[in-house]
Amino acid sequence: MKTLIHINQTVIRHNKKYSNSLPACRVQQNNKSRYCKEVIIDGPSKLVYNPDNPLSCGAKLWIETESIIELVDEVPYSEIAVNMKKIKSGVSK
């Protein structure tokens, strides 16, 4: 099964602005996205830069692999989004 791995820049910018460390690694398999802080790839992979044909999420640089992967500190994006909203509202008050 093909796996695409890239970094969610929105989460990276949020973490920088609010001095946080929410998971920013996005792993896509079978049109399902998962988030984590670290991805361990057990086998061959390739780094792809394709600015003329980005992923549907807008990523222009990603890793592709068909190897087995392990996600470290996996979190659903819905939880990240809720935390980002809470952090923003807490800082702006």
N, C-alpha and C. Protein backbone atom coordinates (compact mmCIF):
# COMPACT_ATOMS: atom_id res chain seq x y z
N MET A 1 0.85 -1.17 0.00
CA MET A 1 0.00 0.00 0.00
C MET A 1 0.90 1.24 0.00
N LYS A 2 0.58 2.18 -0.86
CA LYS A 2 1.37 3.41 -0.96
C LYS A 2 1.03 4.34 0.20
N THR A 3 2.07 4.89 0.80
CA THR A 3 1.92 5.84 1.91
C THR A 3 2.60 7.14 1.52
N LEU A 4 1.92 8.26 1.76
CA LEU A 4 2.47 9.60 1.54
C LEU A 4 2.65 10.27 2.89
N ILE A 5 3.80 10.87 3.10
CA ILE A 5 4.11 11.52 4.38
C ILE A 5 4.57 12.94 4.09
N HIS A 6 3.97 13.91 4.75
CA HIS A 6 4.44 15.29 4.62
C HIS A 6 4.15 16.05 5.91
N ILE A 7 4.56 17.28 5.94
CA ILE A 7 4.40 18.11 7.14
C ILE A 7 3.28 19.13 6.91
N ASN A 8 2.38 19.23 7.86
CA ASN A 8 1.28 20.20 7.78
C ASN A 8 1.82 21.56 8.22
N GLN A 9 1.97 22.47 7.26
CA GLN A 9 2.55 23.78 7.54
C GLN A 9 1.68 24.63 8.46
N THR A 10 0.36 24.43 8.42
CA THR A 10 -0.52 25.18 9.32
C THR A 10 -0.20 24.84 10.77
N VAL A 11 0.02 23.57 11.05
CA VAL A 11 0.36 23.14 12.41
C VAL A 11 1.74 23.67 12.79
N ILE A 12 2.69 23.62 11.87
CA ILE A 12 4.04 24.15 12.14
C ILE A 12 3.98 25.63 12.50
N ARG A 13 3.25 26.42 11.71
CA ARG A 13 3.13 27.87 12.00
C ARG A 13 2.44 28.11 13.34
N HIS A 14 1.40 27.33 13.62
CA HIS A 14 0.70 27.47 14.90
C HIS A 14 1.66 27.15 16.06
N ASN A 15 2.40 26.06 15.93
CA ASN A 15 3.34 25.69 16.99
C ASN A 15 4.37 26.79 17.23
N LYS A 16 4.86 27.38 16.16
CA LYS A 16 5.86 28.44 16.30
C LYS A 16 5.25 29.67 16.98
N LYS A 17 4.07 30.07 16.52
CA LYS A 17 3.43 31.28 17.05
C LYS A 17 3.07 31.13 18.53
N TYR A 18 2.61 29.93 18.92
CA TYR A 18 2.12 29.73 20.29
C TYR A 18 3.07 28.87 21.13
N SER A 19 4.30 28.69 20.68
CA SER A 19 5.30 27.90 21.41
C SER A 19 4.74 26.56 21.86
N ASN A 20 4.24 25.81 20.88
CA ASN A 20 3.62 24.52 21.17
C ASN A 20 4.31 23.44 20.35
N SER A 21 3.88 22.20 20.52
CA SER A 21 4.47 21.10 19.77
C SER A 21 3.43 20.06 19.37
N LEU A 22 2.32 20.53 18.81
CA LEU A 22 1.29 19.62 18.33
C LEU A 22 1.85 18.80 17.16
N PRO A 23 1.41 17.55 16.99
CA PRO A 23 1.92 16.72 15.90
C PRO A 23 1.66 17.33 14.53
N ALA A 24 2.70 17.39 13.70
CA ALA A 24 2.58 18.02 12.38
C ALA A 24 2.86 17.07 11.23
N CYS A 25 3.24 15.83 11.52
CA CYS A 25 3.50 14.86 10.45
C CYS A 25 2.16 14.27 9.99
N ARG A 26 1.87 14.44 8.72
CA ARG A 26 0.62 13.92 8.15
C ARG A 26 0.95 12.68 7.32
N VAL A 27 0.28 11.58 7.62
CA VAL A 27 0.50 10.32 6.93
C VAL A 27 -0.80 9.94 6.23
N GLN A 28 -0.72 9.77 4.92
CA GLN A 28 -1.92 9.47 4.15
C GLN A 28 -1.81 8.07 3.52
N GLN A 29 -2.82 7.24 3.82
CA GLN A 29 -2.94 5.89 3.26
C GLN A 29 -4.40 5.67 2.91
N ASN A 30 -4.65 5.19 1.70
CA ASN A 30 -6.04 4.89 1.28
C ASN A 30 -6.99 6.06 1.54
N ASN A 31 -6.55 7.28 1.20
CA ASN A 31 -7.36 8.49 1.38
C ASN A 31 -7.73 8.77 2.83
N LYS A 32 -7.02 8.17 3.77
CA LYS A 32 -7.22 8.45 5.19
C LYS A 32 -5.96 9.10 5.73
N SER A 33 -6.14 10.22 6.43
CA SER A 33 -4.99 10.93 7.00
C SER A 33 -4.88 10.67 8.49
N ARG A 34 -3.64 10.51 8.93
CA ARG A 34 -3.33 10.35 10.35
C ARG A 34 -2.20 11.31 10.68
N TYR A 35 -2.13 11.75 11.91
CA TYR A 35 -1.10 12.70 12.34
C TYR A 35 -0.28 12.09 13.47
N CYS A 36 0.99 12.47 13.50
CA CYS A 36 1.88 11.99 14.55
C CYS A 36 3.08 12.92 14.65
N LYS A 37 3.93 12.66 15.64
CA LYS A 37 5.13 13.47 15.83
C LYS A 37 6.34 12.86 15.14
N GLU A 38 6.27 11.58 14.81
CA GLU A 38 7.42 10.89 14.21
C GLU A 38 6.90 9.71 13.39
N VAL A 39 7.55 9.46 12.24
CA VAL A 39 7.21 8.31 11.40
C VAL A 39 8.47 7.48 11.21
N ILE A 40 8.38 6.21 11.53
CA ILE A 40 9.49 5.28 11.32
C ILE A 40 9.15 4.48 10.06
N ILE A 41 10.03 4.54 9.06
CA ILE A 41 9.83 3.85 7.79
C ILE A 41 10.76 2.65 7.76
N ASP A 42 10.18 1.46 7.69
CA ASP A 42 10.97 0.23 7.73
C ASP A 42 11.19 -0.30 6.31
N GLY A 43 12.00 0.42 5.54
CA GLY A 43 12.29 -0.02 4.18
C GLY A 43 12.49 1.16 3.25
N PRO A 44 12.54 0.87 1.95
CA PRO A 44 12.80 1.93 0.96
C PRO A 44 11.70 2.99 0.94
N SER A 45 12.12 4.20 0.60
CA SER A 45 11.20 5.31 0.44
C SER A 45 11.86 6.32 -0.49
N LYS A 46 11.08 7.29 -0.95
CA LYS A 46 11.67 8.35 -1.76
C LYS A 46 11.06 9.69 -1.39
N LEU A 47 11.87 10.71 -1.48
CA LEU A 47 11.46 12.08 -1.23
C LEU A 47 11.10 12.70 -2.57
N VAL A 48 9.89 13.26 -2.68
CA VAL A 48 9.39 13.79 -3.94
C VAL A 48 9.12 15.29 -3.80
N TYR A 49 9.69 16.07 -4.71
CA TYR A 49 9.38 17.50 -4.80
C TYR A 49 8.71 17.72 -6.15
N ASN A 50 7.44 18.12 -6.13
CA ASN A 50 6.69 18.29 -7.36
C ASN A 50 5.78 19.52 -7.25
N PRO A 51 6.34 20.72 -7.38
CA PRO A 51 5.54 21.94 -7.21
C PRO A 51 4.48 22.13 -8.29
N ASP A 52 4.67 21.51 -9.44
CA ASP A 52 3.69 21.65 -10.53
C ASP A 52 2.51 20.70 -10.37
N ASN A 53 2.64 19.71 -9.52
CA ASN A 53 1.56 18.75 -9.29
C ASN A 53 1.51 18.38 -7.80
N PRO A 54 1.09 19.34 -6.96
CA PRO A 54 1.09 19.08 -5.51
C PRO A 54 0.01 18.08 -5.11
N LEU A 55 0.12 17.57 -3.90
CA LEU A 55 -0.92 16.70 -3.36
C LEU A 55 -2.21 17.51 -3.20
N SER A 56 -3.32 16.84 -3.01
CA SER A 56 -4.61 17.53 -2.89
C SER A 56 -4.64 18.51 -1.72
N CYS A 57 -3.82 18.27 -0.69
CA CYS A 57 -3.75 19.17 0.46
C CYS A 57 -2.85 20.38 0.19
N GLY A 58 -2.15 20.37 -0.95
CA GLY A 58 -1.28 21.48 -1.31
C GLY A 58 0.20 21.21 -1.12
N ALA A 59 0.55 20.09 -0.50
CA ALA A 59 1.96 19.77 -0.25
C ALA A 59 2.71 19.62 -1.58
N LYS A 60 3.87 20.25 -1.64
CA LYS A 60 4.72 20.18 -2.83
C LYS A 60 5.93 19.29 -2.60
N LEU A 61 6.17 18.90 -1.37
CA LEU A 61 7.29 18.04 -1.00
C LEU A 61 6.77 16.98 -0.03
N TRP A 62 7.05 15.70 -0.35
CA TRP A 62 6.55 14.62 0.50
C TRP A 62 7.43 13.39 0.34
N ILE A 63 7.21 12.44 1.22
CA ILE A 63 7.89 11.14 1.15
C ILE A 63 6.85 10.12 0.69
N GLU A 64 7.27 9.26 -0.24
CA GLU A 64 6.44 8.15 -0.69
C GLU A 64 7.11 6.84 -0.29
N THR A 65 6.31 5.89 0.18
CA THR A 65 6.84 4.57 0.52
C THR A 65 5.75 3.53 0.41
N GLU A 66 6.16 2.32 0.16
CA GLU A 66 5.26 1.16 0.23
C GLU A 66 5.71 0.26 1.37
N SER A 67 6.69 0.74 2.13
CA SER A 67 7.24 -0.02 3.26
C SER A 67 6.30 0.07 4.46
N ILE A 68 6.54 -0.79 5.41
CA ILE A 68 5.80 -0.76 6.67
C ILE A 68 6.23 0.49 7.43
N ILE A 69 5.27 1.18 8.02
CA ILE A 69 5.57 2.39 8.80
C ILE A 69 5.03 2.22 10.22
N GLU A 70 5.64 2.98 11.11
CA GLU A 70 5.18 3.04 12.50
C GLU A 70 5.01 4.51 12.86
N LEU A 71 3.86 4.85 13.40
CA LEU A 71 3.59 6.23 13.82
C LEU A 71 3.83 6.36 15.32
N VAL A 72 4.56 7.39 15.71
CA VAL A 72 4.87 7.64 17.11
C VAL A 72 4.00 8.81 17.59
N ASP A 73 3.31 8.62 18.69
CA ASP A 73 2.42 9.63 19.27
C ASP A 73 1.33 10.04 18.28
N GLU A 74 0.62 9.06 17.72
CA GLU A 74 -0.46 9.34 16.76
C GLU A 74 -1.62 10.05 17.44
N VAL A 75 -2.17 11.05 16.73
CA VAL A 75 -3.29 11.85 17.23
C VAL A 75 -4.22 12.14 16.04
N PRO A 76 -5.54 12.01 16.20
CA PRO A 76 -6.43 12.37 15.09
C PRO A 76 -6.40 13.88 14.86
N TYR A 77 -6.54 14.30 13.59
CA TYR A 77 -6.48 15.73 13.29
C TYR A 77 -7.57 16.50 14.04
N SER A 78 -8.73 15.88 14.25
CA SER A 78 -9.81 16.57 14.97
C SER A 78 -9.33 17.03 16.35
N GLU A 79 -8.51 16.21 17.00
CA GLU A 79 -7.96 16.58 18.32
C GLU A 79 -6.96 17.73 18.19
N ILE A 80 -6.14 17.70 17.14
CA ILE A 80 -5.19 18.79 16.90
C ILE A 80 -5.94 20.09 16.67
N ALA A 81 -7.00 20.04 15.83
CA ALA A 81 -7.78 21.24 15.52
C ALA A 81 -8.41 21.83 16.78
N VAL A 82 -8.96 20.96 17.62
CA VAL A 82 -9.57 21.43 18.88
C VAL A 82 -8.51 22.09 19.76
N ASN A 83 -7.35 21.46 19.89
CA ASN A 83 -6.28 22.02 20.70
C ASN A 83 -5.78 23.35 20.15
N MET A 84 -5.67 23.44 18.82
CA MET A 84 -5.23 24.70 18.21
C MET A 84 -6.22 25.82 18.54
N LYS A 85 -7.51 25.51 18.46
CA LYS A 85 -8.54 26.51 18.75
C LYS A 85 -8.48 26.94 20.23
N LYS A 86 -8.33 25.96 21.13
CA LYS A 86 -8.24 26.27 22.56
C LYS A 86 -7.02 27.13 22.86
N ILE A 87 -5.88 26.77 22.26
CA ILE A 87 -4.64 27.54 22.48
C ILE A 87 -4.79 28.96 21.98
N LYS A 88 -5.37 29.12 20.78
CA LYS A 88 -5.56 30.46 20.22
C LYS A 88 -6.45 31.31 21.12
N SER A 89 -7.56 30.74 21.56
CA SER A 89 -8.49 31.53 22.39
C SER A 89 -7.90 31.84 23.76
N GLY A 90 -7.11 30.94 24.30
CA GLY A 90 -6.48 31.17 25.59
C GLY A 90 -5.41 32.23 25.54
N VAL A 91 -4.68 32.31 24.43
CA VAL A 91 -3.60 33.30 24.28
C VAL A 91 -4.18 34.65 23.98
N SER A 92 -5.30 34.71 23.24
CA SER A 92 -5.84 36.01 22.82
C SER A 92 -6.66 36.69 23.89
N LYS A 93 -7.00 35.99 25.01
CA LYS A 93 -7.83 36.61 26.06
C LYS A 93 -7.01 37.51 26.94
